Amino acid sequence: QVQLVESGGGLVQAGGSLRLSCAASGRTFSSSAMGWFRRAPGKEREFVSAISWSGGTTRYADSVKGRFTISRDNAKNTVYLQMNSLKPEDTAVYHCVTRSGPYYSAYVPAVSYQYDYWGQGTQVTVSS
């Protein structure tokens, strides 16, 4: 059974930092793109960031570019999201995602329907 488990969320003041982690189990994800989406209360789900299987290609939403950094450790089947200079508008539930294929692709989608597996999410709250 495929499982994605996020951790690292919490409450932080504006300007602070958090590091989210997502551990994948049930199959090997080292050959697939992984990423993060978020949903704020009353808003649509939105793409945050994603990374190719090798880590060679990354992609960011304009709203987080320059503040967030995505990385991965394939030996641990884990993807990370380092979030700096957090703003109240970053408050949301953050979901980890990955794909069932294609494998070993440099393509990194920014649309939710191209991801097959989703974690339950971790809450990030940024106070002003």
Foldseek 3Di string as FASTA:
>chain_A
DKAKDKDWADEEAAQAKIKMKIFIDDDQQLFWKKAKWWDDPPDDIFGAKIAGSVRPDIDGDPVQPPFWDKDDDRVRNMIMIIGGRDDQVVWTWMKMFIAPDDTNDRDIDGDDVRTDDIHPTDTHGYHD
